[in-house]
């Protein structure tokens, strides 16, 4: 009687192994069919995560990407947000031919357009006048989560070897924004940082002429 139980027990294990093997084989077969689609969906989610968390390309990365699309000397870099899309516009000076503006995705670096500078219309006008908001800075600072030091650190990540020369806390479009001026080895940069979320709202870098 014990022997029969033993045989039955072994038989059960064998069946389980066989069934498990079939399950693994089926799983392998299913995975084999979905391997081609998984990277695509993963890539899309990564891009979406970058966008939602505000992990933008730095100014240096945007400059490098733009110069691959059009050779020349970078004069200016602007971070723009229009129609739900965030992108950099990089102005490139090309000797012997027309200057161009390279537009690229601010998260992926994908080139969106290369436009002749004469056809480019810059409708952004940033005015960093410290006297307009200096009197309310102390009270405004109590209503934001980021300190000036934290906002400065975020802004400095956008440039290489920069130094903050001026910072102002302003109330713009219903939110508090740190407006930060940075001096770099190549020129100057202006960075707007959301005073509560730390998100970079705008970035503008001008390069000194070295003619």
C-alpha atoms as a PDB file:
ATOM      1  CA  UNK A   1       0.000   0.000   0.000  1.00  0.00           C
ATOM      2  CA  UNK A   2       2.852   2.361   0.854  1.00  0.00           C
ATOM      3  CA  UNK A   3       4.517   1.498  -2.428  1.00  0.00           C
ATOM      4  CA  UNK A   4       1.416   2.490  -4.373  1.00  0.00           C
ATOM      5  CA  UNK A   5       1.307   5.829  -2.584  1.00  0.00           C
ATOM      6  CA  UNK A   6       4.973   6.325  -3.337  1.00  0.00           C
ATOM      7  CA  UNK A   7       4.411   5.613  -7.008  1.00  0.00           C
ATOM      8  CA  UNK A   8       1.433   7.924  -7.100  1.00  0.00           C
ATOM      9  CA  UNK A   9       3.461  10.663  -5.441  1.00  0.00           C
ATOM     10  CA  UNK A  10       6.282  10.315  -7.959  1.00  0.00           C
ATOM     11  CA  UNK A  11       3.757  10.266 -10.748  1.00  0.00           C
ATOM     12  CA  UNK A  12       2.236  13.502  -9.451  1.00  0.00           C
ATOM     13  CA  UNK A  13       5.642  15.179  -9.383  1.00  0.00           C
ATOM     14  CA  UNK A  14       6.369  14.026 -12.913  1.00  0.00           C
ATOM     15  CA  UNK A  15       3.060  15.392 -14.088  1.00  0.00           C
ATOM     16  CA  UNK A  16       3.738  18.688 -12.337  1.00  0.00           C
ATOM     17  CA  UNK A  17       7.160  18.903 -13.967  1.00  0.00           C
ATOM     18  CA  UNK A  18       5.668  18.170 -17.352  1.00  0.00           C
ATOM     19  CA  UNK A  19       2.924  20.706 -16.842  1.00  0.00           C
ATOM     20  CA  UNK A  20       5.437  23.241 -15.546  1.00  0.00           C
ATOM     21  CA  UNK A  21       7.603  22.623 -18.574  1.00  0.00           C
ATOM     22  CA  UNK A  22       4.633  23.222 -20.821  1.00  0.00           C
ATOM     23  CA  UNK A  23       3.801  26.383 -18.932  1.00  0.00           C
ATOM     24  CA  UNK A  24       7.359  27.625 -19.299  1.00  0.00           C
ATOM     25  CA  UNK A  25       7.355  26.731 -22.969  1.00  0.00           C
ATOM     26  CA  UNK A  26       4.081  28.555 -23.463  1.00  0.00           C
ATOM     27  CA  UNK A  27       5.358  31.535 -21.534  1.00  0.00           C
ATOM     28  CA  UNK A  28       8.522  31.513 -23.601  1.00  0.00           C
ATOM     29  CA  UNK A  29       6.485  31.365 -26.751  1.00  0.00           C
ATOM     30  CA  UNK A  30       4.332  34.294 -25.631  1.00  0.00           C
ATOM     31  CA  UNK A  31       7.354  36.314 -24.641  1.00  0.00           C
ATOM     32  CA  UNK A  32       8.985  35.489 -27.921  1.00  0.00           C
ATOM     33  CA  UNK A  33       6.060  37.022 -29.736  1.00  0.00           C
ATOM     34  CA  UNK A  34       5.991  40.147 -27.568  1.00  0.00           C
ATOM     35  CA  UNK A  35       9.709  40.881 -27.512  1.00  0.00           C
ATOM     36  CA  UNK A  36       9.415  43.196 -30.503  1.00  0.00           C
ATOM     37  CA  UNK A  37       6.642  45.279 -28.963  1.00  0.00           C
ATOM     38  CA  UNK A  38       7.983  45.571 -25.395  1.00  0.00           C
ATOM     39  CA  UNK A  39      10.998  47.815 -26.148  1.00  0.00           C
ATOM     40  CA  UNK A  40       8.780  50.188 -28.099  1.00  0.00           C
ATOM     41  CA  UNK A  41       6.287  50.610 -25.274  1.00  0.00           C
ATOM     42  CA  UNK A  42       9.120  50.872 -22.755  1.00  0.00           C
ATOM     43  CA  UNK A  43      10.799  53.567 -24.824  1.00  0.00           C
ATOM     44  CA  UNK A  44       7.577  55.513 -25.033  1.00  0.00           C
ATOM     45  CA  UNK A  45       7.029  55.296 -21.277  1.00  0.00           C
ATOM     46  CA  UNK A  46      10.600  56.429 -20.608  1.00  0.00           C
ATOM     47  CA  UNK A  47      10.088  59.474 -22.827  1.00  0.00           C
ATOM     48  CA  UNK A  48       6.802  60.224 -21.091  1.00  0.00           C
ATOM     49  CA  UNK A  49       8.473  59.854 -17.689  1.00  0.00           C
ATOM     50  CA  UNK A  50      11.209  62.273 -18.728  1.00  0.00           C
ATOM     51  CA  UNK A  51       8.597  64.776 -19.824  1.00  0.00           C
ATOM     52  CA  UNK A  52       6.501  64.438 -16.676  1.00  0.00           C
ATOM     53  CA  UNK A  53       9.496  64.706 -14.341  1.00  0.00           C
ATOM     54  CA  UNK A  54      11.022  67.650 -16.223  1.00  0.00           C
ATOM     55  CA  UNK A  55      14.304  65.950 -17.165  1.00  0.00           C
ATOM     56  CA  UNK A  56      15.244  68.299 -19.967  1.00  0.00           C
ATOM     57  CA  UNK A  57      18.367  68.237 -22.070  1.00  0.00           C
ATOM     58  CA  UNK A  58      20.875  70.766 -20.806  1.00  0.00           C
ATOM     59  CA  UNK A  59      21.864  73.771 -22.872  1.00  0.00           C
ATOM     60  CA  UNK A  60      25.153  72.091 -23.746  1.00  0.00           C
ATOM     61  CA  UNK A  61      23.348  68.959 -24.953  1.00  0.00           C
ATOM     62  CA  UNK A  62      20.918  71.020 -27.027  1.00  0.00           C
ATOM     63  CA  UNK A  63      23.854  72.916 -28.554  1.00  0.00           C
ATOM     64  CA  UNK A  64      25.659  69.707 -29.488  1.00  0.00           C
ATOM     65  CA  UNK A  65      22.531  68.219 -31.065  1.00  0.00           C
ATOM     66  CA  UNK A  66      21.833  71.378 -33.059  1.00  0.00           C
ATOM     67  CA  UNK A  67      25.383  71.555 -34.412  1.00  0.00           C
ATOM     68  CA  UNK A  68      24.973  68.050 -35.805  1.00  0.00           C
ATOM     69  CA  UNK A  69      22.058  69.336 -37.873  1.00  0.00           C
ATOM     70  CA  UNK A  70      23.732  72.559 -39.003  1.00  0.00           C
ATOM     71  CA  UNK A  71      27.410  73.468 -38.770  1.00  0.00           C
ATOM     72  CA  UNK A  72      28.390  76.907 -37.515  1.00  0.00           C
ATOM     73  CA  UNK A  73      28.665  78.945 -34.319  1.00  0.00           C
ATOM     74  CA  UNK A  74      25.859  78.955 -31.768  1.00  0.00           C
ATOM     75  CA  UNK A  75      24.679  82.472 -30.949  1.00  0.00           C
ATOM     76  CA  UNK A  76      21.654  81.793 -28.766  1.00  0.00           C
ATOM     77  CA  UNK A  77      19.649  78.952 -27.186  1.00  0.00           C
ATOM     78  CA  UNK A  78      16.018  79.308 -26.127  1.00  0.00           C
ATOM     79  CA  UNK A  79      13.703  76.844 -24.389  1.00  0.00           C
ATOM     80  CA  UNK A  80      10.154  77.166 -25.741  1.00  0.00           C
ATOM     81  CA  UNK A  81       6.769  75.662 -24.836  1.00  0.00           C
ATOM     82  CA  UNK A  82       4.009  75.903 -27.432  1.00  0.00           C
ATOM     83  CA  UNK A  83       0.900  73.831 -28.108  1.00  0.00           C
ATOM     84  CA  UNK A  84       1.831  71.304 -25.428  1.00  0.00           C
ATOM     85  CA  UNK A  85       5.311  70.713 -26.866  1.00  0.00           C
ATOM     86  CA  UNK A  86       8.616  71.636 -25.230  1.00  0.00           C
ATOM     87  CA  UNK A  87      11.581  72.313 -27.482  1.00  0.00           C
ATOM     88  CA  UNK A  88      14.852  74.190 -27.827  1.00  0.00           C
ATOM     89  CA  UNK A  89      15.468  76.755 -30.545  1.00  0.00           C
ATOM     90  CA  UNK A  90      19.167  77.175 -31.286  1.00  0.00           C
ATOM     91  CA  UNK A  91      20.370  80.081 -33.422  1.00  0.00           C
ATOM     92  CA  UNK A  92      23.445  79.208 -35.480  1.00  0.00           C
ATOM     93  CA  UNK A  93      25.665  81.691 -37.280  1.00  0.00           C
ATOM     94  CA  UNK A  94      27.041  80.271 -40.530  1.00  0.00           C
ATOM     95  CA  UNK A  95      29.689  82.285 -42.347  1.00  0.00           C
ATOM     96  CA  UNK A  96      29.228  82.377 -46.097  1.00  0.00           C
ATOM     97  CA  UNK A  97      25.559  81.361 -45.912  1.00  0.00           C
ATOM     98  CA  UNK A  98      22.329  82.325 -44.177  1.00  0.00           C
ATOM     99  CA  UNK A  99      22.078  81.844 -40.434  1.00  0.00           C
ATOM    100  CA  UNK A 100      19.618  79.189 -39.278  1.00  0.00           C
ATOM    101  CA  UNK A 101      17.506  78.299 -36.257  1.00  0.00           C
ATOM    102  CA  UNK A 102      17.454  74.624 -35.295  1.00  0.00           C
ATOM    103  CA  UNK A 103      14.384  73.443 -33.391  1.00  0.00           C
ATOM    104  CA  UNK A 104      14.763  70.202 -31.402  1.00  0.00           C
ATOM    105  CA  UNK A 105      12.762  68.227 -28.854  1.00  0.00           C
ATOM    106  CA  UNK A 106      13.847  69.318 -25.368  1.00  0.00           C
ATOM    107  CA  UNK A 107      13.674  65.758 -23.989  1.00  0.00           C
ATOM    108  CA  UNK A 108      14.866  63.500 -26.800  1.00  0.00           C
ATOM    109  CA  UNK A 109      17.064  65.848 -28.851  1.00  0.00           C
ATOM    110  CA  UNK A 110      15.189  64.920 -32.031  1.00  0.00           C
ATOM    111  CA  UNK A 111      15.539  67.607 -34.705  1.00  0.00           C
ATOM    112  CA  UNK A 112      12.092  69.052 -35.440  1.00  0.00           C
ATOM    113  CA  UNK A 113      13.029  71.728 -37.974  1.00  0.00           C
ATOM    114  CA  UNK A 114      15.871  73.771 -39.415  1.00  0.00           C
ATOM    115  CA  UNK A 115      14.626  77.223 -40.386  1.00  0.00           C
ATOM    116  CA  UNK A 116      16.358  80.091 -42.166  1.00  0.00           C
ATOM    117  CA  UNK A 117      16.993  82.835 -39.607  1.00  0.00           C
ATOM    118  CA  UNK A 118      15.328  85.431 -41.852  1.00  0.00           C
ATOM    119  CA  UNK A 119      12.075  83.463 -41.680  1.00  0.00           C
ATOM    120  CA  UNK A 120      12.278  82.996 -37.912  1.00  0.00           C
ATOM    121  CA  UNK A 121      10.028  85.151 -35.739  1.00  0.00           C
ATOM    122  CA  UNK A 122      11.122  85.374 -32.105  1.00  0.00           C
ATOM    123  CA  UNK A 123       8.023  86.432 -30.217  1.00  0.00           C
ATOM    124  CA  UNK A 124       9.454  85.930 -26.738  1.00  0.00           C
ATOM    125  CA  UNK A 125      10.594  88.969 -24.802  1.00  0.00           C
ATOM    126  CA  UNK A 126      11.981  88.321 -21.338  1.00  0.00           C
ATOM    127  CA  UNK A 127      12.392  91.319 -19.075  1.00  0.00           C
ATOM    128  CA  UNK A 128      14.305  90.749 -15.857  1.00  0.00           C
ATOM    129  CA  UNK A 129      13.814  94.020 -14.040  1.00  0.00           C
ATOM    130  CA  UNK A 130      14.694  93.411 -10.413  1.00  0.00           C
ATOM    131  CA  UNK A 131      13.198  96.655  -9.106  1.00  0.00           C
ATOM    132  CA  UNK A 132       9.681  95.584 -10.047  1.00  0.00           C
ATOM    133  CA  UNK A 133       9.533  92.716  -7.573  1.00  0.00           C
ATOM    134  CA  UNK A 134      12.285  93.330  -5.020  1.00  0.00           C
ATOM    135  CA  UNK A 135       9.933  94.884  -2.456  1.00  0.00           C
ATOM    136  CA  UNK A 136       7.706  91.793  -2.340  1.00  0.00           C
ATOM    137  CA  UNK A 137      10.431  89.128  -2.418  1.00  0.00           C
ATOM    138  CA  UNK A 138      10.540  88.566   1.320  1.00  0.00           C
ATOM    139  CA  UNK A 139       6.830  87.909   1.670  1.00  0.00           C
ATOM    140  CA  UNK A 140       6.725  85.889  -1.552  1.00  0.00           C
ATOM    141  CA  UNK A 141       9.565  83.659  -0.360  1.00  0.00           C
ATOM    142  CA  UNK A 142       7.321  82.406   2.435  1.00  0.00           C
ATOM    143  CA  UNK A 143       4.835  81.070  -0.112  1.00  0.00           C
ATOM    144  CA  UNK A 144       7.247  78.904  -2.120  1.00  0.00           C
ATOM    145  CA  UNK A 145       8.926  75.560  -1.445  1.00  0.00           C
ATOM    146  CA  UNK A 146      12.323  76.183  -3.056  1.00  0.00           C
ATOM    147  CA  UNK A 147      14.977  78.461  -1.636  1.00  0.00           C
ATOM    148  CA  UNK A 148      17.113  80.705  -3.825  1.00  0.00           C
ATOM    149  CA  UNK A 149      20.034  78.309  -3.346  1.00  0.00           C
ATOM    150  CA  UNK A 150      17.970  75.326  -4.526  1.00  0.00           C
ATOM    151  CA  UNK A 151      16.650  77.213  -7.548  1.00  0.00           C
ATOM    152  CA  UNK A 152      20.169  78.367  -8.405  1.00  0.00           C
ATOM    153  CA  UNK A 153      21.462  74.797  -8.278  1.00  0.00           C
ATOM    154  CA  UNK A 154      18.742  73.690 -10.708  1.00  0.00           C
ATOM    155  CA  UNK A 155      19.511  76.565 -13.079  1.00  0.00           C
ATOM    156  CA  UNK A 156      23.257  75.888 -13.025  1.00  0.00           C
ATOM    157  CA  UNK A 157      22.650  72.351 -14.293  1.00  0.00           C
ATOM    158  CA  UNK A 158      21.555  73.888 -17.606  1.00  0.00           C
ATOM    159  CA  UNK A 159      24.987  75.361 -18.340  1.00  0.00           C
ATOM    160  CA  UNK A 160      28.636  74.385 -18.019  1.00  0.00           C
ATOM    161  CA  UNK A 161      30.833  76.309 -15.624  1.00  0.00           C
ATOM    162  CA  UNK A 162      28.306  79.041 -14.840  1.00  0.00           C
ATOM    163  CA  UNK A 163      27.947  81.447 -11.918  1.00  0.00           C
ATOM    164  CA  UNK A 164      24.697  83.043 -10.731  1.00  0.00           C
ATOM    165  CA  UNK A 165      24.917  86.823 -10.944  1.00  0.00           C
ATOM    166  CA  UNK A 166      21.306  87.727 -10.140  1.00  0.00           C
ATOM    167  CA  UNK A 167      18.159  85.984  -8.906  1.00  0.00           C
ATOM    168  CA  UNK A 168      14.634  87.328  -8.500  1.00  0.00           C
ATOM    169  CA  UNK A 169      11.404  85.757  -7.264  1.00  0.00           C
ATOM    170  CA  UNK A 170       8.472  86.875  -9.397  1.00  0.00           C
ATOM    171  CA  UNK A 171       4.775  86.030  -9.641  1.00  0.00           C
ATOM    172  CA  UNK A 172       4.005  85.225 -13.267  1.00  0.00           C
ATOM    173  CA  UNK A 173       0.924  83.585 -14.835  1.00  0.00           C
ATOM    174  CA  UNK A 174      -0.477  82.539 -11.480  1.00  0.00           C
ATOM    175  CA  UNK A 175       2.700  80.948 -10.124  1.00  0.00           C
ATOM    176  CA  UNK A 176       5.916  81.980  -8.416  1.00  0.00           C
ATOM    177  CA  UNK A 177       9.021  81.841 -10.585  1.00  0.00           C
ATOM    178  CA  UNK A 178      12.704  82.322  -9.837  1.00  0.00           C
ATOM    179  CA  UNK A 179      14.289  84.367 -12.617  1.00  0.00           C
ATOM    180  CA  UNK A 180      17.999  83.624 -12.610  1.00  0.00           C
ATOM    181  CA  UNK A 181      20.826  85.257 -14.538  1.00  0.00           C
ATOM    182  CA  UNK A 182      24.007  83.247 -15.012  1.00  0.00           C
ATOM    183  CA  UNK A 183      27.406  84.263 -16.314  1.00  0.00           C
ATOM    184  CA  UNK A 184      29.266  81.547 -18.220  1.00  0.00           C
ATOM    185  CA  UNK A 185      32.659  81.307 -19.853  1.00  0.00           C
ATOM    186  CA  UNK A 186      30.914  81.654 -23.231  1.00  0.00           C
ATOM    187  CA  UNK A 187      28.384  84.385 -22.415  1.00  0.00           C
ATOM    188  CA  UNK A 188      25.223  84.756 -20.359  1.00  0.00           C
ATOM    189  CA  UNK A 189      22.145  82.647 -19.647  1.00  0.00           C
ATOM    190  CA  UNK A 190      18.686  83.384 -18.216  1.00  0.00           C
ATOM    191  CA  UNK A 191      16.779  80.551 -16.546  1.00  0.00           C
ATOM    192  CA  UNK A 192      13.239  80.573 -15.144  1.00  0.00           C
ATOM    193  CA  UNK A 193      12.564  77.949 -12.450  1.00  0.00           C
ATOM    194  CA  UNK A 194       9.170  77.175 -10.909  1.00  0.00           C
ATOM    195  CA  UNK A 195       9.591  78.165  -7.252  1.00  0.00           C
ATOM    196  CA  UNK A 196       7.446  75.272  -6.020  1.00  0.00           C
ATOM    197  CA  UNK A 197       8.104  72.353  -8.362  1.00  0.00           C
ATOM    198  CA  UNK A 198      11.680  73.114  -9.451  1.00  0.00           C
ATOM    199  CA  UNK A 199      10.725  72.686 -13.112  1.00  0.00           C
ATOM    200  CA  UNK A 200      12.751  74.669 -15.643  1.00  0.00           C
ATOM    201  CA  UNK A 201      10.196  76.895 -17.361  1.00  0.00           C
ATOM    202  CA  UNK A 202      12.467  78.764 -19.747  1.00  0.00           C
ATOM    203  CA  UNK A 203      16.112  78.850 -20.716  1.00  0.00           C
ATOM    204  CA  UNK A 204      17.908  81.440 -22.818  1.00  0.00           C
ATOM    205  CA  UNK A 205      21.660  81.402 -23.391  1.00  0.00           C
ATOM    206  CA  UNK A 206      23.547  84.048 -25.358  1.00  0.00           C
ATOM    207  CA  UNK A 207      27.106  83.477 -26.523  1.00  0.00           C
ATOM    208  CA  UNK A 208      29.757  86.184 -26.696  1.00  0.00           C
ATOM    209  CA  UNK A 209      31.067  87.116 -30.124  1.00  0.00           C
ATOM    210  CA  UNK A 210      34.615  85.923 -30.674  1.00  0.00           C
ATOM    211  CA  UNK A 211      35.277  87.530 -34.029  1.00  0.00           C
END
